[in-house]
Every structure is written in structure tokens, then in C-alpha cells.
């Protein structure tokens, strides 16, 4: 009897977008930018009418999750070649941002089974009601130089620096 007196609904919305742009500044120099975004909104609702439980108490719960993630990368690439010498160099930066938000509300004692939204609940349960929010950012800077002589002898030097909001 409980299942037929309980409604569970889940809404899930997602958007994924990516793109890039490339610009050949000169014969040896190229700029590239990439962008990406992931967005998700999820809403989970539960409503149990007064016939679902032997006490006759109706119950409602709503949980909303929001997630947004953005990343962008920018690089300059330099390529030079003369006779037996080749130099490839890269200079770049990346930035990533993530945001999460969760909200939940729980209520009981609905005056009627016809209104299933929590604004009709007579009692809001503070133990089942909460919000939390988290934001994380990461920035990175990178560089690399490759030198080749006659296609046989190679030298590579690379450096990277990362900064994160999690590091403090």
C-alpha cells in the first residue's frame, strides 16, 4: 500500500558545451584557446500521502543539486626550424572553476493529500533541511621548450606552477 501512496519524481537537466579558437599570428606563432562547461541541475521530490503510513502522517522531501564546472586553456605555440636545428616552445595558462550547491527541505503533516508541494506542509523538519555550497578554483601556468639537432639529439625543458583554492 505504501508504494501506491508515494510519488517520487526526479528531474535531471544537463548542458555540456565545448569550443576552441585558433589564430595563426605569424608563420611561427600560433595562439589557441579552448573553453568547456558542464552544468547539471537535479531535483528529487518525494511525497507520501496520509494513507502511506499507519499514523496517517503525510511526508514530503525535496533535494536540489546544482553543479557547474568551467575550464579554459590558452596557449602560445612557437615553432622555428633552420637547417638541422628545430625549436618548439609552448607557453600557456589554464583555469578551472567548479561550483556545487545542495539544498534539501523536509516537511510533514500536510493538511490535504491534494497539494504535494512543501509549502503546504504544516511542520518543516529542521534535521532534514539544509544547504551547503562549495566552490573550487585551480589556475595553472606552464612552459616547455624542445630543441632538436639533426633529428637525433633532443633537449626538453618544462615548468609548471599550480595554484588552487584548496591549498589555502
C-alpha atoms as a PDB file:
ATOM      1  CA  UNK A   1       0.000   0.000   0.000  1.00  0.00           C
ATOM      2  CA  UNK A   2       2.919   2.330   0.634  1.00  0.00           C
ATOM      3  CA  UNK A   3       4.181   2.384  -2.986  1.00  0.00           C
ATOM      4  CA  UNK A   4       0.826   3.332  -4.451  1.00  0.00           C
ATOM      5  CA  UNK A   5       0.558   6.178  -1.937  1.00  0.00           C
ATOM      6  CA  UNK A   6       4.011   7.588  -2.656  1.00  0.00           C
ATOM      7  CA  UNK A   7       5.156   9.731  -5.568  1.00  0.00           C
ATOM      8  CA  UNK A   8       8.842  10.015  -6.443  1.00  0.00           C
ATOM      9  CA  UNK A   9       9.914  12.365  -9.193  1.00  0.00           C
ATOM     10  CA  UNK A  10      13.397  13.129 -10.452  1.00  0.00           C
ATOM     11  CA  UNK A  11      14.241  15.936 -12.842  1.00  0.00           C
ATOM     12  CA  UNK A  12      17.714  15.949 -14.365  1.00  0.00           C
ATOM     13  CA  UNK A  13      18.959  18.704 -16.673  1.00  0.00           C
ATOM     14  CA  UNK A  14      22.471  18.767 -18.166  1.00  0.00           C
ATOM     15  CA  UNK A  15      24.277  21.007 -20.598  1.00  0.00           C
ATOM     16  CA  UNK A  16      27.736  20.266 -21.984  1.00  0.00           C
ATOM     17  CA  UNK A  17      29.477  22.813 -24.215  1.00  0.00           C
ATOM     18  CA  UNK A  18      32.993  22.856 -25.649  1.00  0.00           C
ATOM     19  CA  UNK A  19      34.758  25.019 -28.172  1.00  0.00           C
ATOM     20  CA  UNK A  20      38.089  26.336 -29.299  1.00  0.00           C
ATOM     21  CA  UNK A  21      39.626  29.076 -31.398  1.00  0.00           C
ATOM     22  CA  UNK A  22      42.964  29.057 -33.157  1.00  0.00           C
ATOM     23  CA  UNK A  23      44.786  32.099 -34.510  1.00  0.00           C
ATOM     24  CA  UNK A  24      47.944  31.890 -36.571  1.00  0.00           C
ATOM     25  CA  UNK A  25      49.606  35.143 -35.508  1.00  0.00           C
ATOM     26  CA  UNK A  26      52.655  34.663 -37.712  1.00  0.00           C
ATOM     27  CA  UNK A  27      54.349  31.896 -39.643  1.00  0.00           C
ATOM     28  CA  UNK A  28      55.945  30.524 -36.474  1.00  0.00           C
ATOM     29  CA  UNK A  29      53.492  31.608 -33.759  1.00  0.00           C
ATOM     30  CA  UNK A  30      50.018  30.197 -33.051  1.00  0.00           C
ATOM     31  CA  UNK A  31      47.537  31.047 -30.289  1.00  0.00           C
ATOM     32  CA  UNK A  32      44.897  28.531 -29.187  1.00  0.00           C
ATOM     33  CA  UNK A  33      42.044  28.968 -26.714  1.00  0.00           C
ATOM     34  CA  UNK A  34      39.724  26.203 -25.537  1.00  0.00           C
ATOM     35  CA  UNK A  35      36.589  26.519 -23.438  1.00  0.00           C
ATOM     36  CA  UNK A  36      34.434  23.892 -21.784  1.00  0.00           C
ATOM     37  CA  UNK A  37      31.413  23.965 -19.497  1.00  0.00           C
ATOM     38  CA  UNK A  38      29.360  21.300 -17.747  1.00  0.00           C
ATOM     39  CA  UNK A  39      26.144  22.304 -15.998  1.00  0.00           C
ATOM     40  CA  UNK A  40      23.799  19.985 -14.106  1.00  0.00           C
ATOM     41  CA  UNK A  41      20.597  20.656 -12.189  1.00  0.00           C
ATOM     42  CA  UNK A  42      18.948  17.730 -10.427  1.00  0.00           C
ATOM     43  CA  UNK A  43      15.713  17.872  -8.412  1.00  0.00           C
ATOM     44  CA  UNK A  44      14.485  14.845  -6.470  1.00  0.00           C
ATOM     45  CA  UNK A  45      10.999  15.007  -4.908  1.00  0.00           C
ATOM     46  CA  UNK A  46       9.179  12.577  -2.630  1.00  0.00           C
ATOM     47  CA  UNK A  47       5.598  12.862  -1.408  1.00  0.00           C
ATOM     48  CA  UNK A  48       3.854  10.237   0.735  1.00  0.00           C
ATOM     49  CA  UNK A  49       0.190  10.862   1.308  1.00  0.00           C
ATOM     50  CA  UNK A  50      -1.594  10.247   4.577  1.00  0.00           C
ATOM     51  CA  UNK A  51      -2.513   6.650   3.622  1.00  0.00           C
ATOM     52  CA  UNK A  52       1.135   5.563   3.167  1.00  0.00           C
ATOM     53  CA  UNK A  53       1.871   5.300   6.888  1.00  0.00           C
ATOM     54  CA  UNK A  54      -0.237   3.787   9.671  1.00  0.00           C
ATOM     55  CA  UNK A  55      -0.053   7.060  11.656  1.00  0.00           C
ATOM     56  CA  UNK A  56      -1.819   8.954   8.864  1.00  0.00           C
ATOM     57  CA  UNK A  57       1.040  11.448   8.634  1.00  0.00           C
ATOM     58  CA  UNK A  58       1.933  12.712   5.184  1.00  0.00           C
ATOM     59  CA  UNK A  59       5.558  13.391   4.264  1.00  0.00           C
ATOM     60  CA  UNK A  60       7.390  15.497   1.687  1.00  0.00           C
ATOM     61  CA  UNK A  61      11.047  15.868   0.741  1.00  0.00           C
ATOM     62  CA  UNK A  62      12.836  17.889  -1.948  1.00  0.00           C
ATOM     63  CA  UNK A  63      16.569  17.715  -2.742  1.00  0.00           C
ATOM     64  CA  UNK A  64      18.137  20.036  -5.325  1.00  0.00           C
ATOM     65  CA  UNK A  65      21.723  19.597  -6.566  1.00  0.00           C
ATOM     66  CA  UNK A  66      23.399  22.238  -8.719  1.00  0.00           C
ATOM     67  CA  UNK A  67      26.777  21.597 -10.340  1.00  0.00           C
ATOM     68  CA  UNK A  68      28.678  23.933 -12.647  1.00  0.00           C
ATOM     69  CA  UNK A  69      32.170  23.289 -13.991  1.00  0.00           C
ATOM     70  CA  UNK A  70      34.086  25.619 -16.311  1.00  0.00           C
ATOM     71  CA  UNK A  71      37.545  25.172 -17.800  1.00  0.00           C
ATOM     72  CA  UNK A  72      39.571  27.301 -20.181  1.00  0.00           C
ATOM     73  CA  UNK A  73      43.064  26.852 -21.610  1.00  0.00           C
ATOM     74  CA  UNK A  74      45.183  29.364 -23.514  1.00  0.00           C
ATOM     75  CA  UNK A  75      48.463  28.502 -25.234  1.00  0.00           C
ATOM     76  CA  UNK A  76      51.022  30.187 -27.436  1.00  0.00           C
ATOM     77  CA  UNK A  77      52.993  27.782 -29.629  1.00  0.00           C
ATOM     78  CA  UNK A  78      56.208  28.785 -31.344  1.00  0.00           C
ATOM     79  CA  UNK A  79      57.933  26.598 -33.954  1.00  0.00           C
ATOM     80  CA  UNK A  80      61.242  27.539 -35.596  1.00  0.00           C
ATOM     81  CA  UNK A  81      63.375  25.475 -37.954  1.00  0.00           C
ATOM     82  CA  UNK A  82      66.616  26.259 -39.679  1.00  0.00           C
ATOM     83  CA  UNK A  83      68.823  23.634 -41.340  1.00  0.00           C
ATOM     84  CA  UNK A  84      69.431  20.971 -38.655  1.00  0.00           C
ATOM     85  CA  UNK A  85      68.007  22.971 -35.738  1.00  0.00           C
ATOM     86  CA  UNK A  86      64.386  22.839 -34.535  1.00  0.00           C
ATOM     87  CA  UNK A  87      62.851  24.694 -31.616  1.00  0.00           C
ATOM     88  CA  UNK A  88      59.312  24.105 -30.344  1.00  0.00           C
ATOM     89  CA  UNK A  89      58.130  26.278 -27.464  1.00  0.00           C
ATOM     90  CA  UNK A  90      54.849  26.436 -25.600  1.00  0.00           C
ATOM     91  CA  UNK A  91      53.611  28.984 -23.079  1.00  0.00           C
ATOM     92  CA  UNK A  92      50.193  28.507 -21.526  1.00  0.00           C
ATOM     93  CA  UNK A  93      47.698  29.028 -18.751  1.00  0.00           C
ATOM     94  CA  UNK A  94      44.660  27.051 -17.627  1.00  0.00           C
ATOM     95  CA  UNK A  95      41.811  27.972 -15.312  1.00  0.00           C
ATOM     96  CA  UNK A  96      39.210  25.626 -13.850  1.00  0.00           C
ATOM     97  CA  UNK A  97      36.234  26.570 -11.685  1.00  0.00           C
ATOM     98  CA  UNK A  98      33.775  24.199 -10.027  1.00  0.00           C
ATOM     99  CA  UNK A  99      30.713  25.158  -8.012  1.00  0.00           C
ATOM    100  CA  UNK A 100      28.400  22.822  -6.114  1.00  0.00           C
ATOM    101  CA  UNK A 101      25.242  23.649  -4.210  1.00  0.00           C
ATOM    102  CA  UNK A 102      22.851  21.287  -2.442  1.00  0.00           C
ATOM    103  CA  UNK A 103      19.548  22.248  -0.861  1.00  0.00           C
ATOM    104  CA  UNK A 104      17.126  19.936   0.927  1.00  0.00           C
ATOM    105  CA  UNK A 105      13.853  20.510   2.730  1.00  0.00           C
ATOM    106  CA  UNK A 106      11.701  18.006   4.560  1.00  0.00           C
ATOM    107  CA  UNK A 107       8.145  18.515   5.762  1.00  0.00           C
ATOM    108  CA  UNK A 108       5.294  16.585   7.359  1.00  0.00           C
ATOM    109  CA  UNK A 109       1.622  16.934   8.303  1.00  0.00           C
ATOM    110  CA  UNK A 110       0.107  18.184   5.058  1.00  0.00           C
ATOM    111  CA  UNK A 111      -3.496  19.325   5.587  1.00  0.00           C
ATOM    112  CA  UNK A 112      -4.582  17.583   2.380  1.00  0.00           C
ATOM    113  CA  UNK A 113      -3.193  14.925   0.052  1.00  0.00           C
ATOM    114  CA  UNK A 114      -4.126  17.034  -2.979  1.00  0.00           C
ATOM    115  CA  UNK A 115      -1.258  19.524  -2.566  1.00  0.00           C
ATOM    116  CA  UNK A 116       2.086  17.698  -2.792  1.00  0.00           C
ATOM    117  CA  UNK A 117       4.416  20.696  -2.590  1.00  0.00           C
ATOM    118  CA  UNK A 118       6.297  21.525   0.595  1.00  0.00           C
ATOM    119  CA  UNK A 119       4.719  24.945   1.004  1.00  0.00           C
ATOM    120  CA  UNK A 120       1.625  23.075   2.199  1.00  0.00           C
ATOM    121  CA  UNK A 121       3.496  21.194   4.971  1.00  0.00           C
ATOM    122  CA  UNK A 122       2.477  22.240   8.478  1.00  0.00           C
ATOM    123  CA  UNK A 123       5.808  21.141  10.003  1.00  0.00           C
ATOM    124  CA  UNK A 124       9.263  21.639   8.465  1.00  0.00           C
ATOM    125  CA  UNK A 125      11.786  19.179   9.885  1.00  0.00           C
ATOM    126  CA  UNK A 126      14.997  21.076  10.701  1.00  0.00           C
ATOM    127  CA  UNK A 127      17.082  17.870  10.784  1.00  0.00           C
ATOM    128  CA  UNK A 128      16.178  17.104   7.170  1.00  0.00           C
ATOM    129  CA  UNK A 129      16.507  20.693   5.955  1.00  0.00           C
ATOM    130  CA  UNK A 130      19.926  22.004   4.955  1.00  0.00           C
ATOM    131  CA  UNK A 131      22.006  23.802   2.376  1.00  0.00           C
ATOM    132  CA  UNK A 132      25.670  23.569   1.509  1.00  0.00           C
ATOM    133  CA  UNK A 133      27.820  25.274  -1.060  1.00  0.00           C
ATOM    134  CA  UNK A 134      31.353  24.659  -2.307  1.00  0.00           C
ATOM    135  CA  UNK A 135      33.497  26.489  -4.838  1.00  0.00           C
ATOM    136  CA  UNK A 136      36.885  25.295  -6.073  1.00  0.00           C
ATOM    137  CA  UNK A 137      39.253  27.120  -8.425  1.00  0.00           C
ATOM    138  CA  UNK A 138      42.503  25.967  -9.997  1.00  0.00           C
ATOM    139  CA  UNK A 139      44.922  28.051 -12.058  1.00  0.00           C
ATOM    140  CA  UNK A 140      47.998  26.657 -13.778  1.00  0.00           C
ATOM    141  CA  UNK A 141      50.811  28.235 -15.745  1.00  0.00           C
ATOM    142  CA  UNK A 142      53.059  26.139 -17.929  1.00  0.00           C
ATOM    143  CA  UNK A 143      56.025  26.429 -20.263  1.00  0.00           C
ATOM    144  CA  UNK A 144      58.002  23.995 -22.376  1.00  0.00           C
ATOM    145  CA  UNK A 145      60.914  24.312 -24.797  1.00  0.00           C
ATOM    146  CA  UNK A 146      62.087  21.464 -27.034  1.00  0.00           C
ATOM    147  CA  UNK A 147      65.295  21.681 -29.025  1.00  0.00           C
ATOM    148  CA  UNK A 148      66.321  19.125 -31.622  1.00  0.00           C
ATOM    149  CA  UNK A 149      69.538  18.924 -33.585  1.00  0.00           C
ATOM    150  CA  UNK A 150      69.581  16.885 -36.742  1.00  0.00           C
ATOM    151  CA  UNK A 151      66.558  14.903 -35.520  1.00  0.00           C
ATOM    152  CA  UNK A 152      68.836  12.842 -33.240  1.00  0.00           C
ATOM    153  CA  UNK A 153      69.791  14.960 -30.252  1.00  0.00           C
ATOM    154  CA  UNK A 154      66.911  16.246 -28.178  1.00  0.00           C
ATOM    155  CA  UNK A 155      66.716  18.619 -25.229  1.00  0.00           C
ATOM    156  CA  UNK A 156      63.474  19.354 -23.417  1.00  0.00           C
ATOM    157  CA  UNK A 157      62.836  21.775 -20.547  1.00  0.00           C
ATOM    158  CA  UNK A 158      59.424  22.125 -18.907  1.00  0.00           C
ATOM    159  CA  UNK A 159      57.981  24.074 -15.981  1.00  0.00           C
ATOM    160  CA  UNK A 160      54.565  24.235 -14.367  1.00  0.00           C
ATOM    161  CA  UNK A 161      53.035  26.190 -11.498  1.00  0.00           C
ATOM    162  CA  UNK A 162      49.656  25.306  -9.980  1.00  0.00           C
ATOM    163  CA  UNK A 163      47.551  27.332  -7.593  1.00  0.00           C
ATOM    164  CA  UNK A 164      44.322  26.092  -6.038  1.00  0.00           C
ATOM    165  CA  UNK A 165      41.715  27.430  -3.669  1.00  0.00           C
ATOM    166  CA  UNK A 166      42.113  24.105  -1.816  1.00  0.00           C
ATOM    167  CA  UNK A 167      45.747  24.931  -0.995  1.00  0.00           C
ATOM    168  CA  UNK A 168      44.672  27.850   1.169  1.00  0.00           C
END
